[in-house]
Amino acid sequence: MTTETLARTTPEEAAIEDLIACPHCDALYLAQMPAKGGRAVCSHCHTVLIAPRTKAGKKMIALTLTVMILVVAALFFPFLDINAGGIGNSTSILDAASSFRSGYMVFLSFLVAAAIIFVPLLRTVLILYVLIPVVRDRPALPHARRAFRLSQELKPWAMAEVFAIGCAVALVKVQDLAHIGFGPAFWMFSALVILVLINDNFLCTWSVWKSLELEND
């Protein structure tokens, strides 16, 4: 894989639609497609800016559909089984998200459920809404650009991996106090976290934006 650095520029030197900004250091570059199999990186912080991949759209759709299925399926299966002193309890992801049910803590339950369930699920729906027509060489659906922008804005709020890390820390703390069994939802959620990371790595946002711009021209 070849790595290229783009030409630095300023808003006064080029049209705004020809620019790309580094999401980490805000450096501006003239956007241009790298050589086949290559990628364009920021010369300052080395963040990957453009990285088109062959048949990436179909792979992302397959991964996104898989993530959606895993999110829905994980809600209906036990996540953990905890046994201590002859007393056992089984809990699901939905139970964990809705564990605070009184007073102001209800709002916290809503935020937890949104971060680990609803926001990731909404992002998958939005990405499919945008990508399926593009991959099939069909006209973009209405408000596709707005949908893709929303999916990117929701990315920091989809905290499935944070929930997974929190569970790992909690399990380390209680493993000496109780016997813990992993339910089907635990393994589904573990696979979901890995697939989300792979999917985000496949997604070249610049390529998607370019495709949507061409549809509107």
N, C-alpha and C. Protein backbone atom coordinates (compact mmCIF):
# COMPACT_ATOMS: atom_id res chain seq x y z
N MET A 1 0.84 -1.19 0.00
CA MET A 1 0.00 0.00 0.00
C MET A 1 0.88 1.24 0.00
N THR A 2 0.67 2.14 -0.95
CA THR A 2 1.44 3.38 -1.03
C THR A 2 0.79 4.46 -0.20
N THR A 3 1.63 5.33 0.36
CA THR A 3 1.14 6.43 1.20
C THR A 3 1.55 7.74 0.55
N GLU A 4 0.58 8.64 0.38
CA GLU A 4 0.83 9.93 -0.23
C GLU A 4 0.45 11.04 0.75
N THR A 5 1.14 12.17 0.62
CA THR A 5 0.76 13.37 1.38
C THR A 5 0.16 14.38 0.42
N LEU A 6 -0.93 14.98 0.81
CA LEU A 6 -1.62 15.94 -0.04
C LEU A 6 -0.98 17.31 0.06
N ALA A 7 -1.29 18.17 -0.90
CA ALA A 7 -0.73 19.52 -0.93
C ALA A 7 -1.47 20.41 0.07
N ARG A 8 -0.70 21.08 0.95
CA ARG A 8 -1.30 22.01 1.90
C ARG A 8 -1.83 23.23 1.17
N THR A 9 -2.91 23.81 1.68
CA THR A 9 -3.50 24.97 1.03
C THR A 9 -4.28 25.77 2.07
N THR A 10 -4.91 26.85 1.62
CA THR A 10 -5.77 27.68 2.47
C THR A 10 -7.10 27.88 1.76
N PRO A 11 -8.16 28.26 2.50
CA PRO A 11 -9.46 28.45 1.86
C PRO A 11 -9.42 29.49 0.74
N GLU A 12 -8.49 30.46 0.81
CA GLU A 12 -8.45 31.50 -0.22
C GLU A 12 -7.84 30.99 -1.51
N GLU A 13 -7.10 29.88 -1.45
CA GLU A 13 -6.38 29.39 -2.63
C GLU A 13 -7.15 28.37 -3.44
N ALA A 14 -8.26 27.86 -2.90
CA ALA A 14 -9.00 26.81 -3.62
C ALA A 14 -10.46 26.87 -3.24
N ALA A 15 -11.29 26.29 -4.10
CA ALA A 15 -12.73 26.22 -3.81
C ALA A 15 -12.96 25.32 -2.61
N ILE A 16 -13.96 25.66 -1.81
CA ILE A 16 -14.21 24.94 -0.57
C ILE A 16 -14.51 23.47 -0.82
N GLU A 17 -15.15 23.14 -1.96
CA GLU A 17 -15.51 21.75 -2.24
C GLU A 17 -14.30 20.90 -2.62
N ASP A 18 -13.15 21.57 -2.91
CA ASP A 18 -11.94 20.85 -3.27
C ASP A 18 -11.02 20.62 -2.07
N LEU A 19 -11.45 21.03 -0.89
CA LEU A 19 -10.61 20.95 0.29
C LEU A 19 -11.00 19.77 1.17
N ILE A 20 -10.04 19.29 1.91
CA ILE A 20 -10.29 18.29 2.95
C ILE A 20 -9.49 18.71 4.18
N ALA A 21 -10.13 18.63 5.34
CA ALA A 21 -9.49 19.02 6.59
C ALA A 21 -9.15 17.80 7.42
N CYS A 22 -7.99 17.81 8.04
CA CYS A 22 -7.60 16.73 8.94
C CYS A 22 -8.47 16.82 10.19
N PRO A 23 -9.14 15.74 10.57
CA PRO A 23 -10.03 15.79 11.75
C PRO A 23 -9.28 15.93 13.07
N HIS A 24 -7.97 15.75 13.06
CA HIS A 24 -7.19 15.81 14.30
C HIS A 24 -6.48 17.14 14.48
N CYS A 25 -5.81 17.63 13.42
CA CYS A 25 -5.04 18.87 13.57
C CYS A 25 -5.60 20.02 12.76
N ASP A 26 -6.69 19.80 12.00
CA ASP A 26 -7.38 20.84 11.23
C ASP A 26 -6.56 21.41 10.07
N ALA A 27 -5.50 20.73 9.68
CA ALA A 27 -4.73 21.18 8.51
C ALA A 27 -5.58 21.01 7.26
N LEU A 28 -5.49 21.97 6.33
CA LEU A 28 -6.26 21.93 5.08
C LEU A 28 -5.41 21.43 3.93
N TYR A 29 -6.02 20.60 3.09
CA TYR A 29 -5.33 20.04 1.93
C TYR A 29 -6.24 20.09 0.72
N LEU A 30 -5.61 20.06 -0.46
CA LEU A 30 -6.36 19.87 -1.69
C LEU A 30 -6.68 18.38 -1.82
N ALA A 31 -7.95 18.06 -1.83
CA ALA A 31 -8.36 16.65 -1.87
C ALA A 31 -8.15 16.09 -3.27
N GLN A 32 -7.52 14.94 -3.33
CA GLN A 32 -7.36 14.24 -4.61
C GLN A 32 -7.25 12.75 -4.35
N MET A 33 -7.77 11.98 -5.30
CA MET A 33 -7.79 10.53 -5.15
C MET A 33 -6.37 9.98 -5.22
N PRO A 34 -5.95 9.19 -4.23
CA PRO A 34 -4.61 8.59 -4.28
C PRO A 34 -4.53 7.50 -5.33
N ALA A 35 -3.33 7.03 -5.59
CA ALA A 35 -3.14 5.95 -6.56
C ALA A 35 -3.87 4.70 -6.10
N LYS A 36 -4.18 3.83 -7.05
CA LYS A 36 -4.92 2.61 -6.74
C LYS A 36 -4.20 1.81 -5.65
N GLY A 37 -4.95 1.46 -4.61
CA GLY A 37 -4.38 0.72 -3.51
C GLY A 37 -3.64 1.58 -2.50
N GLY A 38 -3.59 2.89 -2.72
CA GLY A 38 -2.87 3.80 -1.84
C GLY A 38 -3.80 4.53 -0.89
N ARG A 39 -3.21 5.43 -0.12
CA ARG A 39 -3.98 6.25 0.80
C ARG A 39 -3.28 7.58 0.98
N ALA A 40 -4.06 8.60 1.32
CA ALA A 40 -3.52 9.94 1.55
C ALA A 40 -3.55 10.23 3.04
N VAL A 41 -2.43 10.73 3.56
CA VAL A 41 -2.32 10.98 4.99
C VAL A 41 -1.94 12.44 5.24
N CYS A 42 -2.23 12.89 6.44
CA CYS A 42 -1.85 14.24 6.87
C CYS A 42 -0.35 14.29 7.09
N SER A 43 0.30 15.27 6.50
CA SER A 43 1.76 15.39 6.63
C SER A 43 2.17 15.83 8.03
N HIS A 44 1.21 16.37 8.79
CA HIS A 44 1.54 16.89 10.12
C HIS A 44 1.38 15.83 11.21
N CYS A 45 0.20 15.17 11.25
CA CYS A 45 -0.05 14.19 12.32
C CYS A 45 -0.21 12.77 11.79
N HIS A 46 -0.10 12.59 10.47
CA HIS A 46 -0.13 11.27 9.82
C HIS A 46 -1.48 10.55 9.95
N THR A 47 -2.55 11.31 10.18
CA THR A 47 -3.89 10.74 10.18
C THR A 47 -4.29 10.38 8.74
N VAL A 48 -4.89 9.22 8.56
CA VAL A 48 -5.34 8.81 7.23
C VAL A 48 -6.56 9.65 6.85
N LEU A 49 -6.47 10.35 5.71
CA LEU A 49 -7.54 11.23 5.26
C LEU A 49 -8.39 10.59 4.17
N ILE A 50 -7.75 9.93 3.23
CA ILE A 50 -8.46 9.28 2.12
C ILE A 50 -7.86 7.89 1.94
N ALA A 51 -8.72 6.86 2.00
CA ALA A 51 -8.23 5.49 1.85
C ALA A 51 -9.28 4.63 1.16
N PRO A 52 -9.52 4.87 -0.14
CA PRO A 52 -10.50 4.05 -0.86
C PRO A 52 -10.01 2.61 -0.98
N ARG A 53 -10.93 1.67 -0.88
CA ARG A 53 -10.60 0.26 -1.00
C ARG A 53 -11.49 -0.40 -2.03
N THR A 54 -10.96 -1.42 -2.68
CA THR A 54 -11.71 -2.14 -3.70
C THR A 54 -12.89 -2.87 -3.06
N LYS A 55 -14.07 -2.66 -3.62
CA LYS A 55 -15.30 -3.30 -3.15
C LYS A 55 -15.57 -3.02 -1.67
N ALA A 56 -15.08 -1.88 -1.19
CA ALA A 56 -15.28 -1.54 0.22
C ALA A 56 -16.76 -1.35 0.54
N GLY A 57 -17.53 -0.81 -0.41
CA GLY A 57 -18.95 -0.55 -0.17
C GLY A 57 -19.71 -1.82 0.15
N LYS A 58 -19.49 -2.87 -0.62
CA LYS A 58 -20.19 -4.14 -0.38
C LYS A 58 -19.77 -4.75 0.95
N LYS A 59 -18.48 -4.63 1.27
CA LYS A 59 -18.00 -5.16 2.54
C LYS A 59 -18.63 -4.40 3.71
N MET A 60 -18.74 -3.08 3.57
CA MET A 60 -19.32 -2.27 4.65
C MET A 60 -20.80 -2.59 4.83
N ILE A 61 -21.51 -2.81 3.72
CA ILE A 61 -22.93 -3.16 3.82
C ILE A 61 -23.08 -4.50 4.53
N ALA A 62 -22.24 -5.48 4.17
CA ALA A 62 -22.31 -6.79 4.82
C ALA A 62 -21.99 -6.68 6.31
N LEU A 63 -20.95 -5.91 6.65
CA LEU A 63 -20.58 -5.74 8.05
C LEU A 63 -21.66 -4.99 8.82
N THR A 64 -22.23 -3.95 8.19
CA THR A 64 -23.26 -3.16 8.86
C THR A 64 -24.51 -3.98 9.12
N LEU A 65 -24.90 -4.81 8.15
CA LEU A 65 -26.05 -5.70 8.36
C LEU A 65 -25.78 -6.69 9.49
N THR A 66 -24.56 -7.19 9.55
CA THR A 66 -24.20 -8.12 10.61
C THR A 66 -24.27 -7.44 11.97
N VAL A 67 -23.76 -6.21 12.04
CA VAL A 67 -23.81 -5.45 13.29
C VAL A 67 -25.26 -5.23 13.72
N MET A 68 -26.12 -4.88 12.78
CA MET A 68 -27.53 -4.65 13.10
C MET A 68 -28.18 -5.91 13.66
N ILE A 69 -27.91 -7.05 13.03
CA ILE A 69 -28.48 -8.32 13.49
C ILE A 69 -27.98 -8.66 14.90
N LEU A 70 -26.68 -8.43 15.14
CA LEU A 70 -26.11 -8.74 16.45
C LEU A 70 -26.67 -7.84 17.54
N VAL A 71 -26.87 -6.54 17.23
CA VAL A 71 -27.43 -5.62 18.22
C VAL A 71 -28.82 -6.07 18.63
N VAL A 72 -29.67 -6.39 17.65
CA VAL A 72 -31.04 -6.80 17.94
C VAL A 72 -31.06 -8.14 18.68
N ALA A 73 -30.24 -9.10 18.21
CA ALA A 73 -30.24 -10.43 18.82
C ALA A 73 -29.72 -10.38 20.25
N ALA A 74 -28.71 -9.53 20.50
CA ALA A 74 -28.11 -9.47 21.84
C ALA A 74 -29.09 -8.96 22.89
N LEU A 75 -30.13 -8.27 22.47
CA LEU A 75 -31.11 -7.74 23.43
C LEU A 75 -31.98 -8.84 24.04
N PHE A 76 -32.10 -9.97 23.35
CA PHE A 76 -33.07 -10.99 23.76
C PHE A 76 -32.41 -12.23 24.37
N PHE A 77 -31.10 -12.19 24.55
CA PHE A 77 -30.42 -13.33 25.15
C PHE A 77 -29.72 -12.89 26.44
N PRO A 78 -29.48 -13.83 27.36
CA PRO A 78 -28.76 -13.48 28.59
C PRO A 78 -27.35 -13.00 28.28
N PHE A 79 -26.92 -11.98 29.02
CA PHE A 79 -25.58 -11.43 28.84
C PHE A 79 -24.60 -12.08 29.83
N LEU A 80 -24.99 -12.12 31.10
CA LEU A 80 -24.18 -12.74 32.14
C LEU A 80 -25.06 -13.54 33.08
N ASP A 81 -24.51 -14.64 33.61
CA ASP A 81 -25.13 -15.41 34.70
C ASP A 81 -24.20 -15.32 35.91
N ILE A 82 -24.72 -14.83 37.02
CA ILE A 82 -23.92 -14.65 38.22
C ILE A 82 -24.50 -15.52 39.33
N ASN A 83 -23.65 -16.34 39.95
CA ASN A 83 -24.06 -17.22 41.03
C ASN A 83 -23.14 -17.02 42.22
N ALA A 84 -23.74 -16.80 43.38
CA ALA A 84 -22.97 -16.64 44.62
C ALA A 84 -23.79 -17.13 45.79
N GLY A 85 -23.23 -18.00 46.60
CA GLY A 85 -23.92 -18.50 47.79
C GLY A 85 -25.20 -19.23 47.48
N GLY A 86 -25.24 -19.93 46.35
CA GLY A 86 -26.43 -20.67 45.98
C GLY A 86 -27.53 -19.83 45.35
N ILE A 87 -27.30 -18.55 45.20
CA ILE A 87 -28.29 -17.65 44.58
C ILE A 87 -27.75 -17.21 43.22
N GLY A 88 -28.58 -17.37 42.20
CA GLY A 88 -28.15 -17.01 40.86
C GLY A 88 -29.04 -15.95 40.24
N ASN A 89 -28.46 -15.25 39.29
CA ASN A 89 -29.21 -14.21 38.59
C ASN A 89 -28.68 -14.09 37.17
N SER A 90 -29.58 -13.94 36.23
CA SER A 90 -29.22 -13.77 34.83
C SER A 90 -29.66 -12.39 34.37
N THR A 91 -28.78 -11.70 33.66
CA THR A 91 -29.10 -10.34 33.22
C THR A 91 -28.81 -10.19 31.74
N SER A 92 -29.55 -9.31 31.11
CA SER A 92 -29.37 -9.01 29.69
C SER A 92 -28.84 -7.59 29.54
N ILE A 93 -28.47 -7.24 28.31
CA ILE A 93 -28.00 -5.87 28.05
C ILE A 93 -29.11 -4.87 28.35
N LEU A 94 -30.33 -5.22 27.99
CA LEU A 94 -31.45 -4.31 28.24
C LEU A 94 -31.67 -4.12 29.74
N ASP A 95 -31.47 -5.19 30.52
CA ASP A 95 -31.60 -5.09 31.97
C ASP A 95 -30.53 -4.15 32.53
N ALA A 96 -29.30 -4.27 32.01
CA ALA A 96 -28.22 -3.41 32.48
C ALA A 96 -28.49 -1.95 32.14
N ALA A 97 -29.02 -1.72 30.94
CA ALA A 97 -29.27 -0.34 30.52
C ALA A 97 -30.41 0.29 31.30
N SER A 98 -31.37 -0.53 31.76
CA SER A 98 -32.55 0.01 32.44
C SER A 98 -32.52 -0.27 33.94
N SER A 99 -31.33 -0.46 34.50
CA SER A 99 -31.22 -0.83 35.91
C SER A 99 -31.58 0.32 36.85
N PHE A 100 -31.50 1.57 36.36
CA PHE A 100 -31.87 2.72 37.19
C PHE A 100 -33.30 3.12 36.83
N ARG A 101 -34.23 2.94 37.76
CA ARG A 101 -35.64 3.09 37.40
C ARG A 101 -36.41 4.08 38.27
N SER A 102 -35.71 4.86 39.06
CA SER A 102 -36.43 5.78 39.93
C SER A 102 -35.78 7.15 39.93
N GLY A 103 -36.62 8.18 40.07
CA GLY A 103 -36.12 9.55 40.17
C GLY A 103 -35.34 9.99 38.96
N TYR A 104 -34.31 10.76 39.24
CA TYR A 104 -33.48 11.29 38.17
C TYR A 104 -32.63 10.22 37.49
N MET A 105 -32.50 9.05 38.12
CA MET A 105 -31.69 7.98 37.55
C MET A 105 -32.33 7.38 36.30
N VAL A 106 -33.62 7.62 36.10
CA VAL A 106 -34.27 7.15 34.88
C VAL A 106 -33.62 7.79 33.66
N PHE A 107 -33.25 9.06 33.79
CA PHE A 107 -32.58 9.75 32.70
C PHE A 107 -31.24 9.10 32.39
N LEU A 108 -30.53 8.65 33.44
CA LEU A 108 -29.26 7.96 33.24
C LEU A 108 -29.47 6.64 32.52
N SER A 109 -30.53 5.93 32.87
CA SER A 109 -30.85 4.68 32.17
C SER A 109 -31.08 4.92 30.68
N PHE A 110 -31.79 6.02 30.39
CA PHE A 110 -32.04 6.35 28.99
C PHE A 110 -30.74 6.63 28.25
N LEU A 111 -29.82 7.35 28.87
CA LEU A 111 -28.54 7.66 28.24
C LEU A 111 -27.71 6.40 28.00
N VAL A 112 -27.71 5.50 28.99
CA VAL A 112 -26.96 4.25 28.84
C VAL A 112 -27.53 3.42 27.70
N ALA A 113 -28.86 3.30 27.67
CA ALA A 113 -29.51 2.53 26.60
C ALA A 113 -29.24 3.15 25.24
N ALA A 114 -29.26 4.48 25.18
CA ALA A 114 -28.99 5.16 23.91
C ALA A 114 -27.56 4.91 23.45
N ALA A 115 -26.60 4.97 24.37
CA ALA A 115 -25.19 4.86 24.01
C ALA A 115 -24.80 3.46 23.56
N ILE A 116 -25.40 2.43 24.17
CA ILE A 116 -24.96 1.07 23.85
C ILE A 116 -25.93 0.31 22.95
N ILE A 117 -27.14 0.85 22.74
CA ILE A 117 -28.11 0.13 21.91
C ILE A 117 -28.64 0.99 20.77
N PHE A 118 -29.33 2.08 21.11
CA PHE A 118 -30.09 2.82 20.10
C PHE A 118 -29.21 3.62 19.15
N VAL A 119 -28.16 4.25 19.66
CA VAL A 119 -27.29 5.03 18.76
C VAL A 119 -26.53 4.12 17.80
N PRO A 120 -25.90 3.02 18.26
CA PRO A 120 -25.27 2.12 17.28
C PRO A 120 -26.26 1.57 16.25
N LEU A 121 -27.49 1.26 16.71
CA LEU A 121 -28.49 0.74 15.78
C LEU A 121 -28.90 1.81 14.78
N LEU A 122 -29.08 3.05 15.23
CA LEU A 122 -29.43 4.13 14.33
C LEU A 122 -28.33 4.38 13.32
N ARG A 123 -27.07 4.32 13.75
CA ARG A 123 -25.95 4.53 12.83
C ARG A 123 -25.94 3.48 11.72
N THR A 124 -26.24 2.21 12.07
CA THR A 124 -26.26 1.17 11.04
C THR A 124 -27.36 1.43 10.02
N VAL A 125 -28.52 1.87 10.50
CA VAL A 125 -29.63 2.17 9.59
C VAL A 125 -29.26 3.32 8.65
N LEU A 126 -28.65 4.36 9.19
CA LEU A 126 -28.28 5.53 8.37
C LEU A 126 -27.22 5.16 7.34
N ILE A 127 -26.23 4.36 7.75
CA ILE A 127 -25.17 3.97 6.82
C ILE A 127 -25.73 3.12 5.69
N LEU A 128 -26.63 2.19 6.03
CA LEU A 128 -27.26 1.37 4.98
C LEU A 128 -28.09 2.24 4.04
N TYR A 129 -28.80 3.20 4.60
CA TYR A 129 -29.64 4.12 3.81
C TYR A 129 -28.80 4.86 2.78
N VAL A 130 -27.58 5.21 3.17
CA VAL A 130 -26.70 5.98 2.28
C VAL A 130 -25.97 5.07 1.29
N LEU A 131 -25.45 3.95 1.77
CA LEU A 131 -24.53 3.15 0.95
C LEU A 131 -25.20 2.25 -0.07
N ILE A 132 -26.35 1.69 0.27
CA ILE A 132 -26.95 0.71 -0.64
C ILE A 132 -27.19 1.28 -2.04
N PRO A 133 -27.79 2.46 -2.20
CA PRO A 133 -27.95 3.01 -3.56
C PRO A 133 -26.61 3.32 -4.23
N VAL A 134 -25.64 3.83 -3.46
CA VAL A 134 -24.33 4.18 -4.03
C VAL A 134 -23.63 2.93 -4.57
N VAL A 135 -23.63 1.85 -3.80
CA VAL A 135 -22.96 0.63 -4.22
C VAL A 135 -23.66 0.01 -5.43
N ARG A 136 -24.96 0.15 -5.52
CA ARG A 136 -25.72 -0.43 -6.63
C ARG A 136 -25.82 0.51 -7.83
N ASP A 137 -25.05 1.61 -7.79
CA ASP A 137 -25.05 2.60 -8.88
C ASP A 137 -26.44 3.15 -9.15
N ARG A 138 -27.18 3.37 -8.09
CA ARG A 138 -28.50 3.98 -8.18
C ARG A 138 -28.44 5.41 -7.64
N PRO A 139 -29.41 6.24 -8.00
CA PRO A 139 -29.44 7.60 -7.43
C PRO A 139 -29.56 7.56 -5.91
N ALA A 140 -28.89 8.49 -5.26
CA ALA A 140 -28.95 8.56 -3.80
C ALA A 140 -30.38 8.81 -3.34
N LEU A 141 -30.73 8.24 -2.21
CA LEU A 141 -32.07 8.43 -1.65
C LEU A 141 -32.21 9.85 -1.12
N PRO A 142 -33.44 10.34 -0.96
CA PRO A 142 -33.65 11.70 -0.44
C PRO A 142 -32.96 11.91 0.91
N HIS A 143 -32.33 13.06 1.05
CA HIS A 143 -31.66 13.47 2.29
C HIS A 143 -30.51 12.53 2.66
N ALA A 144 -29.89 11.88 1.66
CA ALA A 144 -28.78 10.96 1.94
C ALA A 144 -27.60 11.69 2.57
N ARG A 145 -27.31 12.89 2.09
CA ARG A 145 -26.17 13.64 2.65
C ARG A 145 -26.43 13.99 4.11
N ARG A 146 -27.66 14.38 4.41
CA ARG A 146 -28.00 14.70 5.80
C ARG A 146 -27.91 13.45 6.67
N ALA A 147 -28.35 12.32 6.12
CA ALA A 147 -28.30 11.06 6.88
C ALA A 147 -26.85 10.66 7.16
N PHE A 148 -25.97 10.82 6.17
CA PHE A 148 -24.57 10.45 6.37
C PHE A 148 -23.90 11.39 7.36
N ARG A 149 -24.23 12.67 7.28
CA ARG A 149 -23.67 13.63 8.24
C ARG A 149 -24.10 13.27 9.67
N LEU A 150 -25.37 12.90 9.82
CA LEU A 150 -25.86 12.52 11.15
C LEU A 150 -25.16 11.26 11.65
N SER A 151 -24.91 10.30 10.77
CA SER A 151 -24.23 9.07 11.18
C SER A 151 -22.82 9.38 11.67
N GLN A 152 -22.16 10.35 11.06
CA GLN A 152 -20.81 10.73 11.50
C GLN A 152 -20.85 11.50 12.81
N GLU A 153 -21.87 12.34 12.98
CA GLU A 153 -21.99 13.09 14.22
C GLU A 153 -22.33 12.19 15.41
N LEU A 154 -23.02 11.08 15.13
CA LEU A 154 -23.40 10.15 16.20
C LEU A 154 -22.26 9.21 16.59
N LYS A 155 -21.22 9.15 15.78
CA LYS A 155 -20.13 8.19 16.01
C LYS A 155 -19.54 8.28 17.42
N PRO A 156 -19.23 9.48 17.94
CA PRO A 156 -18.65 9.54 19.30
C PRO A 156 -19.62 9.07 20.39
N TRP A 157 -20.93 9.05 20.07
CA TRP A 157 -21.93 8.70 21.09
C TRP A 157 -22.32 7.23 21.04
N ALA A 158 -21.80 6.49 20.07
CA ALA A 158 -22.02 5.05 20.01
C ALA A 158 -20.93 4.37 20.84
N MET A 159 -21.25 4.02 22.06
CA MET A 159 -20.22 3.61 23.03
C MET A 159 -20.28 2.13 23.36
N ALA A 160 -20.49 1.31 22.35
CA ALA A 160 -20.53 -0.13 22.60
C ALA A 160 -19.19 -0.62 23.14
N GLU A 161 -18.07 -0.12 22.58
CA GLU A 161 -16.76 -0.56 23.04
C GLU A 161 -16.48 -0.08 24.47
N VAL A 162 -17.00 1.10 24.85
CA VAL A 162 -16.83 1.59 26.22
C VAL A 162 -17.58 0.69 27.19
N PHE A 163 -18.78 0.26 26.80
CA PHE A 163 -19.56 -0.67 27.63
C PHE A 163 -18.81 -1.98 27.79
N ALA A 164 -18.18 -2.46 26.70
CA ALA A 164 -17.44 -3.72 26.77
C ALA A 164 -16.25 -3.60 27.72
N ILE A 165 -15.53 -2.47 27.68
CA ILE A 165 -14.40 -2.25 28.59
C ILE A 165 -14.89 -2.17 30.03
N GLY A 166 -16.01 -1.48 30.25
CA GLY A 166 -16.59 -1.38 31.58
C GLY A 166 -16.95 -2.74 32.14
N CYS A 167 -17.53 -3.59 31.28
CA CYS A 167 -17.88 -4.95 31.72
C CYS A 167 -16.63 -5.74 32.10
N ALA A 168 -15.56 -5.59 31.31
CA ALA A 168 -14.32 -6.30 31.60
C ALA A 168 -13.75 -5.89 32.95
N VAL A 169 -13.77 -4.59 33.23
CA VAL A 169 -13.27 -4.09 34.52
C VAL A 169 -14.13 -4.62 35.67
N ALA A 170 -15.46 -4.61 35.48
CA ALA A 170 -16.36 -5.09 36.53
C ALA A 170 -16.16 -6.58 36.79
N LEU A 171 -15.95 -7.36 35.73
CA LEU A 171 -15.77 -8.80 35.88
C LEU A 171 -14.50 -9.12 36.67
N VAL A 172 -13.45 -8.34 36.42
CA VAL A 172 -12.20 -8.55 37.16
C VAL A 172 -12.42 -8.32 38.65
N LYS A 173 -13.26 -7.34 39.00
CA LYS A 173 -13.49 -6.98 40.40
C LYS A 173 -14.36 -8.00 41.14
N VAL A 174 -15.27 -8.67 40.42
CA VAL A 174 -16.21 -9.56 41.11
C VAL A 174 -15.90 -11.04 40.91
N GLN A 175 -14.86 -11.36 40.15
CA GLN A 175 -14.62 -12.77 39.83
C GLN A 175 -14.28 -13.61 41.07
N ASP A 176 -13.74 -12.98 42.12
CA ASP A 176 -13.43 -13.71 43.35
C ASP A 176 -14.63 -13.82 44.29
N LEU A 177 -15.70 -13.09 43.98
CA LEU A 177 -16.87 -13.07 44.86
C LEU A 177 -18.00 -13.94 44.35
N ALA A 178 -18.02 -14.24 43.08
CA ALA A 178 -19.13 -15.00 42.51
C ALA A 178 -18.66 -15.77 41.28
N HIS A 179 -19.44 -16.78 40.95
CA HIS A 179 -19.18 -17.54 39.72
C HIS A 179 -19.92 -16.84 38.57
N ILE A 180 -19.18 -16.53 37.52
CA ILE A 180 -19.75 -15.77 36.41
C ILE A 180 -19.75 -16.62 35.15
N GLY A 181 -20.91 -16.70 34.52
CA GLY A 181 -21.04 -17.39 33.25
C GLY A 181 -21.41 -16.43 32.14
N PHE A 182 -20.82 -16.63 30.99
CA PHE A 182 -21.08 -15.75 29.85
C PHE A 182 -22.23 -16.30 29.01
N GLY A 183 -23.26 -15.47 28.82
CA GLY A 183 -24.40 -15.87 28.01
C GLY A 183 -24.16 -15.61 26.53
N PRO A 184 -25.08 -16.05 25.68
CA PRO A 184 -24.93 -15.83 24.24
C PRO A 184 -24.77 -14.36 23.87
N ALA A 185 -25.46 -13.47 24.58
CA ALA A 185 -25.39 -12.05 24.25
C ALA A 185 -24.00 -11.48 24.49
N PHE A 186 -23.26 -12.05 25.45
CA PHE A 186 -21.89 -11.58 25.72
C PHE A 186 -21.02 -11.78 24.49
N TRP A 187 -21.11 -12.98 23.89
CA TRP A 187 -20.28 -13.28 22.71
C TRP A 187 -20.77 -12.51 21.50
N MET A 188 -22.08 -12.30 21.39
CA MET A 188 -22.61 -11.48 20.30
C MET A 188 -22.09 -10.05 20.42
N PHE A 189 -22.10 -9.53 21.63
CA PHE A 189 -21.67 -8.16 21.84
C PHE A 189 -20.17 -8.02 21.62
N SER A 190 -19.40 -9.03 22.00
CA SER A 190 -17.96 -9.00 21.75
C SER A 190 -17.67 -8.96 20.25
N ALA A 191 -18.38 -9.81 19.49
CA ALA A 191 -18.21 -9.80 18.04
C ALA A 191 -18.67 -8.48 17.44
N LEU A 192 -19.74 -7.91 18.00
CA LEU A 192 -20.28 -6.64 17.51
C LEU A 192 -19.24 -5.53 17.64
N VAL A 193 -18.56 -5.46 18.79
CA VAL A 193 -17.56 -4.41 19.01
C VAL A 193 -16.43 -4.52 17.98
N ILE A 194 -15.98 -5.74 17.73
CA ILE A 194 -14.90 -5.94 16.76
C ILE A 194 -15.35 -5.55 15.36
N LEU A 195 -16.57 -5.94 14.99
CA LEU A 195 -17.08 -5.63 13.65
C LEU A 195 -17.27 -4.13 13.46
N VAL A 196 -17.70 -3.42 14.51
CA VAL A 196 -17.86 -1.96 14.41
C VAL A 196 -16.52 -1.30 14.13
N LEU A 197 -15.47 -1.75 14.81
CA LEU A 197 -14.15 -1.19 14.59
C LEU A 197 -13.65 -1.48 13.17
N ILE A 198 -13.88 -2.71 12.70
CA ILE A 198 -13.48 -3.06 11.33
C ILE A 198 -14.25 -2.23 10.32
N ASN A 199 -15.56 -2.07 10.55
CA ASN A 199 -16.40 -1.31 9.63
C ASN A 199 -15.96 0.14 9.55
N ASP A 200 -15.67 0.75 10.70
CA ASP A 200 -15.22 2.13 10.71
C ASP A 200 -13.88 2.27 10.00
N ASN A 201 -13.04 1.23 10.07
CA ASN A 201 -11.75 1.27 9.39
C ASN A 201 -11.93 1.18 7.87
N PHE A 202 -12.95 0.44 7.42
CA PHE A 202 -13.22 0.32 5.99
C PHE A 202 -13.82 1.60 5.41
N LEU A 203 -14.54 2.35 6.24
CA LEU A 203 -15.30 3.49 5.74
C LEU A 203 -14.38 4.66 5.40
N CYS A 204 -14.34 5.03 4.14
CA CYS A 204 -13.62 6.22 3.70
C CYS A 204 -14.66 7.33 3.51
N THR A 205 -14.75 8.21 4.48
CA THR A 205 -15.80 9.22 4.46
C THR A 205 -15.68 10.14 3.25
N TRP A 206 -14.45 10.44 2.84
CA TRP A 206 -14.27 11.33 1.69
C TRP A 206 -14.86 10.71 0.44
N SER A 207 -14.66 9.41 0.24
CA SER A 207 -15.19 8.72 -0.93
C SER A 207 -16.72 8.74 -0.94
N VAL A 208 -17.32 8.55 0.24
CA VAL A 208 -18.78 8.58 0.32
C VAL A 208 -19.30 9.97 0.01
N TRP A 209 -18.67 11.00 0.60
CA TRP A 209 -19.10 12.37 0.32
C TRP A 209 -18.96 12.68 -1.16
N LYS A 210 -17.87 12.23 -1.77
CA LYS A 210 -17.65 12.50 -3.20
C LYS A 210 -18.74 11.85 -4.04
N SER A 211 -19.11 10.63 -3.68
CA SER A 211 -20.17 9.93 -4.42
C SER A 211 -21.50 10.65 -4.28
N LEU A 212 -21.80 11.15 -3.09
CA LEU A 212 -23.05 11.86 -2.88
C LEU A 212 -23.05 13.20 -3.60
N GLU A 213 -21.90 13.87 -3.68
CA GLU A 213 -21.81 15.13 -4.41
C GLU A 213 -22.04 14.91 -5.90
N LEU A 214 -21.47 13.82 -6.43
CA LEU A 214 -21.66 13.53 -7.85
C LEU A 214 -23.12 13.23 -8.17
N GLU A 215 -23.83 12.59 -7.22
CA GLU A 215 -25.24 12.29 -7.43
C GLU A 215 -26.06 13.57 -7.50
N ASN A 216 -25.62 14.60 -6.76
CA ASN A 216 -26.40 15.85 -6.71
C ASN A 216 -26.02 16.82 -7.82
N ASP A 217 -24.91 16.52 -8.53
CA ASP A 217 -24.48 17.43 -9.62
C ASP A 217 -25.37 17.28 -10.86
